[in-house]
Protein backbone atom coordinates (compact mmCIF):
# COMPACT_ATOMS: atom_id res chain seq x y z
CA UNK A 1 27.55 43.85 -56.01
CA UNK A 2 26.28 42.15 -59.11
CA UNK A 3 22.80 40.63 -58.88
CA UNK A 4 24.25 37.22 -59.66
CA UNK A 5 26.67 37.44 -56.75
CA UNK A 6 23.85 38.41 -54.41
CA UNK A 7 22.00 35.26 -55.33
CA UNK A 8 24.92 32.98 -54.49
CA UNK A 9 24.14 32.66 -50.74
CA UNK A 10 20.51 31.83 -51.48
CA UNK A 11 21.58 29.28 -54.05
CA UNK A 12 23.94 27.72 -51.52
CA UNK A 13 21.11 27.46 -49.00
CA UNK A 14 18.87 25.78 -51.54
CA UNK A 15 21.57 23.31 -52.58
CA UNK A 16 22.56 22.37 -49.04
CA UNK A 17 18.93 22.00 -47.98
CA UNK A 18 18.16 19.78 -50.94
CA UNK A 19 21.20 17.60 -50.20
CA UNK A 20 20.22 17.02 -46.56
CA UNK A 21 19.11 13.37 -46.28
CA UNK A 22 15.56 12.64 -45.22
CA UNK A 23 15.46 10.42 -42.13
CA UNK A 24 12.33 8.72 -40.78
CA UNK A 25 12.32 6.31 -37.86
CA UNK A 26 10.16 3.19 -38.14
CA UNK A 27 6.79 3.18 -36.44
CA UNK A 28 6.87 1.04 -33.27
CA UNK A 29 4.73 -2.08 -33.27
CA UNK A 30 2.79 -1.99 -30.02
CA UNK A 31 -0.35 -3.92 -30.86
CA UNK A 32 -1.95 -5.44 -27.75
CA UNK A 33 -4.99 -7.70 -27.40
CA UNK A 34 -8.25 -6.10 -26.37
CA UNK A 35 -8.38 -8.04 -23.09
CA UNK A 36 -6.32 -10.33 -20.91
CA UNK A 37 -6.91 -14.07 -21.19
CA UNK A 38 -10.02 -15.25 -19.33
CA UNK A 39 -9.50 -17.06 -16.04
CA UNK A 40 -11.81 -19.22 -13.92
CA UNK A 41 -14.05 -17.15 -11.67
CA UNK A 42 -13.06 -17.06 -8.02
CA UNK A 43 -15.74 -17.06 -5.35
CA UNK A 44 -14.73 -14.26 -2.98
CA UNK A 45 -14.31 -15.10 0.68
CA UNK A 46 -16.40 -13.13 3.19
CA UNK A 47 -13.10 -11.83 4.61
CA UNK A 48 -11.88 -10.58 1.25
CA UNK A 49 -11.97 -6.76 1.01
CA UNK A 50 -13.63 -5.03 -1.91
CA UNK A 51 -11.73 -4.28 -5.10
CA UNK A 52 -8.97 -1.76 -4.60
CA UNK A 53 -8.15 1.40 -6.52
CA UNK A 54 -4.77 1.56 -8.17
CA UNK A 55 -3.70 5.11 -7.35
CA UNK A 56 -3.08 4.54 -3.60
CA UNK A 57 -3.62 0.83 -3.42
CA UNK A 58 -1.85 0.35 -0.07
CA UNK A 59 -4.62 2.26 1.71
CA UNK A 60 -7.25 -0.13 0.31
CA UNK A 61 -5.67 -3.08 2.15
CA UNK A 62 -7.15 -1.70 5.37
CA UNK A 63 -3.76 -2.21 7.01
CA UNK A 64 -2.51 0.80 9.03
CA UNK A 65 0.97 -0.63 9.34
CA UNK A 66 1.30 -1.13 5.59
CA UNK A 67 0.09 2.42 4.89
CA UNK A 68 2.48 3.85 7.48
CA UNK A 69 5.50 1.98 6.18
CA UNK A 70 4.83 2.95 2.57
CA UNK A 71 4.34 6.59 3.55
CA UNK A 72 7.61 6.59 5.48
CA UNK A 73 9.48 4.98 2.59
CA UNK A 74 8.12 7.52 0.10
CA UNK A 75 9.45 10.31 2.33
CA UNK A 76 12.71 9.00 3.81
CA UNK A 77 14.24 6.13 1.88
CA UNK A 78 17.54 6.49 0.04
CA UNK A 79 15.79 5.25 -3.08
CA UNK A 80 13.37 8.17 -3.14
CA UNK A 81 16.08 10.66 -2.21
CA UNK A 82 18.17 9.48 -5.15
CA UNK A 83 15.12 9.88 -7.38
CA UNK A 84 14.70 13.46 -6.20
CA UNK A 85 18.37 14.13 -6.99
CA UNK A 86 17.86 12.83 -10.52
CA UNK A 87 14.84 15.09 -10.93
CA UNK A 88 16.97 18.06 -9.89
CA UNK A 89 19.61 17.06 -12.44
CA UNK A 90 16.98 16.75 -15.18
CA UNK A 91 15.65 20.24 -14.42
CA UNK A 92 19.16 21.70 -14.54
CA UNK A 93 19.86 20.00 -17.87
CA UNK A 94 16.59 21.34 -19.30
CA UNK A 95 17.47 24.88 -18.25
CA UNK A 96 20.98 24.47 -19.66
CA UNK A 97 19.68 23.22 -23.01
CA UNK A 98 17.08 25.98 -23.21
CA UNK A 99 19.58 28.70 -22.30
CA UNK A 100 21.92 27.53 -25.06
CA UNK A 101 19.28 28.51 -27.66
CA UNK A 102 18.83 32.05 -26.35
CA UNK A 103 20.78 35.14 -27.45
CA UNK A 104 24.22 35.41 -25.90
CA UNK A 105 26.53 38.32 -25.24
CA UNK A 106 28.34 40.22 -22.55
CA UNK A 107 28.96 43.80 -21.55
CA UNK A 108 32.62 44.85 -21.56
CA UNK A 109 34.18 48.03 -20.38
CA UNK A 110 37.55 49.61 -19.63
CA UNK A 111 38.95 52.81 -18.10
CA UNK A 112 42.38 54.25 -18.97
CA UNK A 113 44.27 57.01 -17.18
CA UNK A 114 47.26 58.52 -19.02
CA UNK A 115 49.90 61.09 -18.07
CA UNK A 116 52.81 62.56 -20.07
CA UNK A 117 55.29 65.46 -20.21
CA UNK A 118 58.49 66.55 -18.45
CA UNK A 119 58.95 66.06 -14.75
CA UNK A 120 58.71 69.41 -12.86
CA UNK A 121 59.35 67.92 -9.51
CA UNK A 122 59.19 64.69 -7.57
CA UNK A 123 56.01 62.89 -8.48
CA UNK A 124 54.65 65.80 -10.53
CA UNK A 125 53.60 65.37 -14.18
CA UNK A 126 51.56 67.32 -16.64
CA UNK A 127 47.98 66.00 -16.53
CA UNK A 128 47.10 63.80 -19.50
CA UNK A 129 43.84 62.45 -20.96
CA UNK A 130 41.54 59.82 -19.40
CA UNK A 131 39.48 57.53 -21.62
CA UNK A 132 36.52 55.24 -20.97
CA UNK A 133 35.15 52.49 -23.20
CA UNK A 134 31.97 50.38 -22.94
CA UNK A 135 30.70 47.81 -25.47
CA UNK A 136 27.69 45.52 -25.61
CA UNK A 137 27.64 43.03 -28.50
CA UNK A 138 24.99 40.27 -28.20
CA UNK A 139 24.69 37.46 -30.70
CA UNK A 140 21.43 35.94 -31.84
CA UNK A 141 20.95 32.95 -34.11
CA UNK A 142 17.95 33.29 -36.37
CA UNK A 143 15.98 30.04 -36.07
CA UNK A 144 15.05 29.96 -39.73
CA UNK A 145 14.65 26.18 -39.99
CA UNK A 146 13.44 25.42 -36.45
CA UNK A 147 16.59 23.79 -35.06
CA UNK A 148 16.63 25.83 -31.83
CA UNK A 149 12.92 25.21 -31.21
CA UNK A 150 13.56 21.50 -31.66
CA UNK A 151 16.35 21.64 -29.07
CA UNK A 152 13.99 23.25 -26.57
CA UNK A 153 11.31 20.65 -27.30
CA UNK A 154 13.81 17.83 -26.76
CA UNK A 155 14.86 19.31 -23.41
CA UNK A 156 11.20 19.38 -22.33
CA UNK A 157 10.73 15.75 -23.44
CA UNK A 158 13.80 14.62 -21.50
CA UNK A 159 12.58 16.42 -18.39
CA UNK A 160 9.12 14.84 -18.68
CA UNK A 161 10.70 11.41 -19.12
CA UNK A 162 12.75 11.97 -15.96
CA UNK A 163 9.56 12.91 -14.11
CA UNK A 164 7.93 9.66 -15.21
CA UNK A 165 11.04 7.74 -14.14
CA UNK A 166 10.61 9.33 -10.71
CA UNK A 167 7.04 8.04 -10.47
CA UNK A 168 8.22 4.60 -11.61
CA UNK A 169 10.67 4.57 -8.69
CA UNK A 170 7.85 5.46 -6.27
CA UNK A 171 5.68 2.72 -7.73
CA UNK A 172 8.41 0.10 -7.35
CA UNK A 173 9.34 1.26 -3.84
CA UNK A 174 5.77 0.95 -2.54
CA UNK A 175 5.54 -2.56 -3.98
CA UNK A 176 8.89 -3.56 -2.44
CA UNK A 177 7.83 -2.33 0.99
CA UNK A 178 4.57 -4.29 0.86
CA UNK A 179 6.30 -7.43 -0.36
CA UNK A 180 8.93 -7.22 2.38
CA UNK A 181 6.26 -6.72 5.04
CA UNK A 182 4.20 -9.69 3.87
CA UNK A 183 7.26 -11.94 3.77
CA UNK A 184 8.19 -10.87 7.29
CA UNK A 185 4.66 -11.73 8.41
CA UNK A 186 5.01 -15.12 6.77
CA UNK A 187 8.12 -15.72 8.88
CA UNK A 188 6.16 -14.57 11.94
CA UNK A 189 3.42 -17.13 11.24
CA UNK A 190 6.02 -19.85 10.80
CA UNK A 191 7.68 -18.81 14.05
CA UNK A 192 4.35 -18.92 15.91
CA UNK A 193 3.62 -22.39 14.53
CA UNK A 194 7.14 -23.53 15.38
CA UNK A 195 6.75 -22.35 18.98
CA UNK A 196 3.40 -24.12 19.27
CA UNK A 197 4.95 -27.27 17.85
CA UNK A 198 7.83 -26.98 20.30
CA UNK A 199 5.43 -26.62 23.21
CA UNK A 200 3.44 -29.66 22.10
CA UNK A 201 6.61 -31.68 21.53
CA UNK A 202 7.93 -30.80 24.99
CA UNK A 203 4.61 -31.73 26.57
CA UNK A 204 4.61 -35.09 24.77
CA UNK A 205 8.23 -35.68 25.78
CA UNK A 206 7.45 -34.87 29.43
CA UNK A 207 4.38 -37.10 29.45
CA UNK A 208 6.30 -39.96 27.87
CA UNK A 209 9.07 -39.58 30.46
CA UNK A 210 6.49 -39.86 33.24
CA UNK A 211 4.98 -42.86 31.50
CA UNK A 212 8.40 -44.51 31.21
CA UNK A 213 9.02 -44.22 34.96
CA UNK A 214 5.72 -46.02 35.49
CA UNK A 215 6.45 -48.62 32.87
CA UNK A 216 3.72 -47.36 30.53
CA UNK A 217 5.94 -45.96 27.76
CA UNK A 218 8.90 -47.52 26.02
CA UNK A 219 12.28 -45.83 26.43
CA UNK A 220 12.58 -45.77 22.64
CA UNK A 221 9.46 -43.59 22.40
CA UNK A 222 10.84 -41.22 25.02
CA UNK A 223 14.06 -40.76 23.04
CA UNK A 224 12.15 -40.14 19.83
CA UNK A 225 9.98 -37.47 21.46
CA UNK A 226 12.98 -35.75 23.03
CA UNK A 227 14.77 -35.71 19.68
CA UNK A 228 11.67 -34.28 18.07
CA UNK A 229 11.51 -31.53 20.73
CA UNK A 230 15.18 -30.65 20.15
CA UNK A 231 14.55 -30.43 16.40
CA UNK A 232 11.57 -28.12 16.99
CA UNK A 233 13.70 -25.92 19.24
CA UNK A 234 16.33 -25.61 16.51
CA UNK A 235 13.61 -24.56 14.05
CA UNK A 236 12.46 -21.83 16.44
CA UNK A 237 16.03 -20.54 16.64
CA UNK A 238 16.34 -20.46 12.84
CA UNK A 239 13.06 -18.63 12.27
CA UNK A 240 13.80 -16.12 15.03
CA UNK A 241 17.04 -15.15 13.29
CA UNK A 242 15.40 -14.92 9.86
CA UNK A 243 12.60 -12.72 11.19
CA UNK A 244 15.17 -10.44 12.81
CA UNK A 245 17.00 -10.10 9.48
CA UNK A 246 13.73 -9.43 7.62
CA UNK A 247 12.75 -6.66 10.05
CA UNK A 248 16.15 -4.99 9.76
CA UNK A 249 15.99 -5.13 5.96
CA UNK A 250 12.52 -3.57 6.05
CA UNK A 251 13.70 -0.75 8.33
CA UNK A 252 16.55 0.02 5.95
CA UNK A 253 14.19 -0.07 2.98
CA UNK A 254 11.84 2.54 4.47
CA UNK A 255 14.75 4.82 5.43
CA UNK A 256 14.92 4.28 9.21
CA UNK A 257 18.04 2.13 9.58
CA UNK A 258 18.84 3.42 13.10
CA UNK A 259 15.56 2.15 14.56
CA UNK A 260 15.61 -1.01 16.63
CA UNK A 261 13.91 -4.11 15.29
CA UNK A 262 11.75 -4.21 18.42
CA UNK A 263 10.19 -0.94 17.25
CA UNK A 264 8.77 -2.75 14.21
CA UNK A 265 6.07 -5.19 15.34
CA UNK A 266 5.26 -7.89 12.81
CA UNK A 267 1.92 -9.66 13.20
CA UNK A 268 1.65 -13.40 12.65
CA UNK A 269 -1.37 -13.00 10.37
CA UNK A 270 -1.78 -13.14 6.60
CA UNK A 271 -5.07 -11.47 5.78
CA UNK A 272 -6.43 -11.87 2.24
CA UNK A 273 -5.72 -9.02 -0.17
CA UNK A 274 -8.43 -6.96 -1.87
CA UNK A 275 -9.57 -8.17 -5.24
CA UNK A 276 -7.92 -6.58 -8.26
CA UNK A 277 -9.80 -4.11 -10.43
CA UNK A 278 -10.80 -4.97 -13.97
CA UNK A 279 -8.16 -3.71 -16.40
CA UNK A 280 -7.38 -3.98 -20.09
CA UNK A 281 -3.97 -4.27 -21.79
CA UNK A 282 -4.46 -0.91 -23.47
CA UNK A 283 -4.50 0.78 -20.05
CA UNK A 284 -0.88 -0.26 -19.57
CA UNK A 285 0.16 2.33 -22.16
CA UNK A 286 -1.27 5.02 -19.89
CA UNK A 287 -0.86 3.62 -16.38
CA UNK A 288 2.70 2.32 -16.58
CA UNK A 289 5.15 5.20 -16.03
CA UNK A 290 8.03 3.17 -17.46
CA UNK A 291 6.10 2.64 -20.71
CA UNK A 292 5.22 6.31 -20.97
CA UNK A 293 8.82 7.25 -20.21
CA UNK A 294 10.04 4.95 -22.98
CA UNK A 295 7.60 6.63 -25.35
CA UNK A 296 8.93 10.08 -24.45
CA UNK A 297 12.50 8.89 -24.84
CA UNK A 298 11.58 7.65 -28.30
CA UNK A 299 10.20 11.09 -29.13
CA UNK A 300 13.39 12.64 -27.76
CA UNK A 301 15.50 10.36 -29.94
CA UNK A 302 13.42 11.35 -32.98
CA UNK A 303 13.93 14.99 -32.03
CA UNK A 304 17.69 14.41 -31.89
CA UNK A 305 17.58 13.03 -35.42
CA UNK A 306 15.75 16.17 -36.56
CA UNK A 307 18.26 18.41 -34.80
CA UNK A 308 21.22 16.64 -36.37
CA UNK A 309 19.59 16.80 -39.79
CA UNK A 310 18.98 20.52 -39.42
CA UNK A 311 22.62 20.85 -38.48
CA UNK A 312 23.38 20.31 -42.17
CA UNK A 313 21.49 23.50 -43.02
CA UNK A 314 23.11 26.96 -42.96
CA UNK A 315 22.93 29.01 -39.79
CA UNK A 316 22.21 32.73 -39.78
CA UNK A 317 23.20 35.05 -36.97
CA UNK A 318 22.61 38.67 -36.09
CA UNK A 319 25.21 40.51 -34.04
CA UNK A 320 24.16 44.03 -33.08
CA UNK A 321 26.66 46.16 -31.21
CA UNK A 322 26.57 49.31 -29.13
CA UNK A 323 29.70 51.15 -28.01
CA UNK A 324 30.43 54.26 -25.97
CA UNK A 325 33.77 56.07 -25.89
CA UNK A 326 34.59 59.04 -23.68
CA UNK A 327 37.97 60.82 -23.61
CA UNK A 328 39.06 63.59 -21.28
CA UNK A 329 35.63 64.73 -20.26
CA UNK A 330 32.01 63.86 -19.56
CA UNK A 331 31.04 63.83 -23.19
CA UNK A 332 31.61 60.81 -25.39
CA UNK A 333 30.95 59.24 -28.73
CA UNK A 334 28.41 56.47 -29.22
CA UNK A 335 28.67 53.91 -32.00
CA UNK A 336 26.32 51.17 -33.08
CA UNK A 337 26.53 48.41 -35.61
CA UNK A 338 24.66 45.35 -36.77
CA UNK A 339 26.28 42.38 -38.50
CA UNK A 340 24.44 39.60 -40.28
CA UNK A 341 26.38 36.39 -40.70
CA UNK A 342 25.87 33.01 -42.30
CA UNK A 343 27.66 29.73 -41.64
CA UNK A 344 27.64 27.11 -44.39
CA UNK A 345 28.76 23.62 -43.21
CA UNK A 346 30.78 22.59 -46.25
CA UNK A 347 33.96 20.94 -45.00
CA UNK A 348 32.17 19.72 -41.85
CA UNK A 349 29.48 17.97 -43.86
CA UNK A 350 31.03 14.49 -43.60
CA UNK A 351 31.26 14.79 -39.81
CA UNK A 352 27.70 16.07 -39.55
CA UNK A 353 26.42 13.24 -41.72
CA UNK A 354 28.18 10.70 -39.50
CA UNK A 355 26.59 12.32 -36.43
CA UNK A 356 23.19 12.08 -38.12
CA UNK A 357 23.67 8.38 -38.82
CA UNK A 358 24.61 7.79 -35.18
CA UNK A 359 21.48 9.54 -33.93
CA UNK A 360 19.41 7.62 -36.48
CA UNK A 361 20.78 4.32 -35.17
CA UNK A 362 20.04 5.38 -31.61
CA UNK A 363 16.54 6.38 -32.67
CA UNK A 364 15.97 2.90 -34.08
CA UNK A 365 17.17 1.46 -30.76
CA UNK A 366 14.68 3.71 -28.96
CA UNK A 367 11.91 2.27 -31.14
CA UNK A 368 12.88 -1.25 -30.13
CA UNK A 369 13.23 -0.21 -26.48
CA UNK A 370 9.70 1.20 -26.51
CA UNK A 371 8.33 -1.96 -28.11
CA UNK A 372 10.14 -4.04 -25.48
CA UNK A 373 8.76 -1.88 -22.66
CA UNK A 374 5.21 -2.42 -23.92
CA UNK A 375 5.73 -6.16 -24.36
CA UNK A 376 7.36 -6.49 -20.94
CA UNK A 377 4.52 -4.59 -19.29
CA UNK A 378 1.93 -6.80 -20.97
CA UNK A 379 3.80 -9.98 -20.04
CA UNK A 380 4.19 -8.92 -16.40
CA UNK A 381 0.52 -8.03 -16.11
CA UNK A 382 -0.69 -11.20 -17.83
CA UNK A 383 1.56 -13.50 -15.78
CA UNK A 384 0.87 -11.81 -12.45
CA UNK A 385 -2.90 -11.91 -12.98
CA UNK A 386 -2.62 -15.60 -13.82
CA UNK A 387 -0.57 -16.20 -10.67
CA UNK A 388 -3.08 -14.36 -8.50
CA UNK A 389 -5.98 -16.40 -9.87
CA UNK A 390 -4.06 -19.65 -9.36
CA UNK A 391 -2.99 -18.67 -5.82
CA UNK A 392 -6.56 -17.81 -4.86
CA UNK A 393 -7.87 -21.21 -5.98
CA UNK A 394 -4.91 -22.99 -4.38
CA UNK A 395 -5.47 -21.19 -1.06
CA UNK A 396 -9.09 -22.38 -0.99
CA UNK A 397 -8.01 -25.97 -1.59
CA UNK A 398 -5.19 -25.86 0.96
CA UNK A 399 -7.47 -24.30 3.52
CA UNK A 400 -9.76 -27.34 3.31
CA UNK A 401 -6.76 -29.67 3.55
CA UNK A 402 -5.46 -27.87 6.64
CA UNK A 403 -8.84 -28.09 8.39
CA UNK A 404 -9.17 -31.83 7.72
CA UNK A 405 -5.63 -32.59 8.82
CA UNK A 406 -6.17 -30.58 11.99
CA UNK A 407 -9.25 -32.67 12.79
CA UNK A 408 -7.21 -35.83 12.25
CA UNK A 409 -4.40 -34.54 14.51
CA UNK A 410 -6.77 -33.68 17.37
CA UNK A 411 -8.28 -37.18 17.15
CA UNK A 412 -4.81 -38.77 17.20
CA UNK A 413 -3.79 -36.76 20.27
CA UNK A 414 -6.91 -37.81 22.16
CA UNK A 415 -6.30 -41.42 21.18
CA UNK A 416 -2.64 -41.31 22.24
CA UNK A 417 -3.52 -39.89 25.67
CA UNK A 418 -6.15 -42.62 26.08
CA UNK A 419 -3.71 -45.31 24.96
CA UNK A 420 -5.68 -46.10 21.82
CA UNK A 421 -3.19 -44.68 19.30
CA UNK A 422 0.52 -45.43 19.05
CA UNK A 423 3.22 -42.78 18.89
CA UNK A 424 3.99 -43.36 15.21
CA UNK A 425 0.40 -42.60 14.22
CA UNK A 426 0.41 -39.45 16.36
CA UNK A 427 3.66 -38.14 14.89
CA UNK A 428 2.53 -38.89 11.37
CA UNK A 429 -0.75 -37.03 11.90
CA UNK A 430 1.08 -34.05 13.36
CA UNK A 431 3.64 -34.06 10.54
CA UNK A 432 0.82 -34.04 7.96
CA UNK A 433 -0.92 -31.13 9.67
CA UNK A 434 2.31 -29.15 9.97
CA UNK A 435 3.06 -29.62 6.28
CA UNK A 436 -0.44 -28.54 5.29
CA UNK A 437 -0.26 -25.55 7.64
CA UNK A 438 3.09 -24.39 6.25
CA UNK A 439 1.93 -24.94 2.69
CA UNK A 440 -1.25 -22.95 3.35
CA UNK A 441 0.69 -20.03 4.81
CA UNK A 442 3.02 -20.16 1.84
CA UNK A 443 0.05 -19.97 -0.49
CA UNK A 444 -1.37 -17.04 1.46
CA UNK A 445 1.84 -15.04 1.32
CA UNK A 446 2.17 -16.00 -2.34
CA UNK A 447 -1.30 -14.59 -2.97
CA UNK A 448 -0.36 -11.38 -1.19
CA UNK A 449 2.98 -10.88 -2.94
CA UNK A 450 1.61 -11.83 -6.34
CA UNK A 451 -1.29 -9.40 -5.82
CA UNK A 452 1.28 -6.67 -5.14
CA UNK A 453 3.18 -7.73 -8.26
CA UNK A 454 -0.04 -7.55 -10.28
CA UNK A 455 -0.80 -4.08 -8.90
CA UNK A 456 2.69 -2.97 -9.84
CA UNK A 457 2.37 -4.55 -13.29
CA UNK A 458 -0.91 -2.70 -13.84
CA UNK A 459 0.75 0.61 -12.97
CA UNK A 460 -0.68 1.04 -9.48
CA UNK A 461 0.84 3.52 -7.07
CA UNK A 462 0.36 6.87 -8.79
CA UNK A 463 -2.25 8.96 -10.56
CA UNK A 464 -1.40 9.15 -14.29
CA UNK A 465 -4.04 11.83 -14.82
CA UNK A 466 -2.28 14.24 -12.45
CA UNK A 467 1.39 14.24 -13.40
CA UNK A 468 3.11 17.08 -11.61
CA UNK A 469 6.75 18.05 -11.50
CA UNK A 470 7.80 16.77 -8.06
CA UNK A 471 8.96 19.36 -5.56
CA UNK A 472 12.55 18.75 -4.57
CA UNK A 473 12.51 17.78 -0.93
CA UNK A 474 15.12 18.80 1.58
CA UNK A 475 17.39 16.16 3.05
CA UNK A 476 15.45 14.20 5.71
CA UNK A 477 16.34 14.56 9.35
CA UNK A 478 17.87 11.57 11.18
CA UNK A 479 15.32 8.86 11.78
CA UNK A 480 13.95 8.50 15.33
CA UNK A 481 14.83 5.35 17.22
CA UNK A 482 11.13 4.46 17.43
CA UNK A 483 9.47 5.08 14.06
CA UNK A 484 5.99 6.44 14.61
CA UNK A 485 4.93 5.24 11.17
CA UNK A 486 5.73 1.61 11.86
CA UNK A 487 2.11 0.93 12.68
CA UNK A 488 0.56 -1.65 14.95
CA UNK A 489 0.44 -5.39 14.47
């Protein structure tokens, strides 16, 4: 071969490499302030627990029932089981992508038995020759430009992103369980208050009926008190049904749908949450698994752009071969060969360029998605911290209002029994106290749920310094009818 002809493949490589377009994704804009906005200081209540830690925040509430329910949900719920299935899929895809970059080939073989010649008798022939053939011809692509290594790196990035998505599911599930429990407890407090109000209303109605028979109470007042007692009874019925629904929803959420609602006690208390730890916006980039997953998906998209760009370059393959042929005896002939090949994408160049532009556009979308994830995380954290601070101050104010209205109600009841206060004044005092009591409980549950939302926004519920590939769990056994992890009220 002439020297000039030998240089043609190298010249083609140089030309095609020079013609490959250079693609660079924009740098994401993720600038965050150094600190969250300052908020008025809150004087901690003596009953307020110390500041919690984010990794296993549910244990820092000092609530055995909350810890038990979260633990059960993280082991049994359909949400976590689906997350495990997605992890298994991500691992399989990683192995598939990695295996596609390795040498390929198969071992083939055949055996032939032949006979020929005149027939000397029934079923008798002259023995012929037997032949045996075995071939092994693997194929190996030489990763001259790094395309195969980039494919393996992308597979690892996608698997790591799936792992972070799994931890994001765990984080959200723990927060949902806590929120559902606190809302159920709020219904329990309302139900307790409604039953107390019903008891008081029935007592007033009975006393007024006795007073009417003695001519001490007007019949109009008796009717008003009986109507009020019937209204309170209807409220008890409504809250009982809502609490039953909330308990069933919580049992389904933690993965024990077959358990009875009686097996899940719900206390009528709303204890204050622990104070939140000091955090900075920059920590969101490390603590939030969804933000870190978006970052890895951006890197994966950039890797896809690189892979598609390298697809415009020539590909070189080596195909060694080994063969063994044996005919009519134990001895045979062995052959070997090695073939070097090159593939130059000439006519496919337009299609490959279009594929590159598609991956470039998707890479730009990944940049925006990452920016949005960072902005969303910052907004959720900022807003939830503001809500927690406002709820804490509001709870202090409503607590004072509830105490004062309770004092006024007790005085009105004593005056009504002594004949010094009319029924209208008594009912108005009780209505004011009930409104303040309900509003206070609403503020308490709001403080609890917003604290959980703030913990979730800050990335609480996992340890970002110890990311491990989750072990795929076996399918859970059927839930017992009495969940041992339900906890005590």
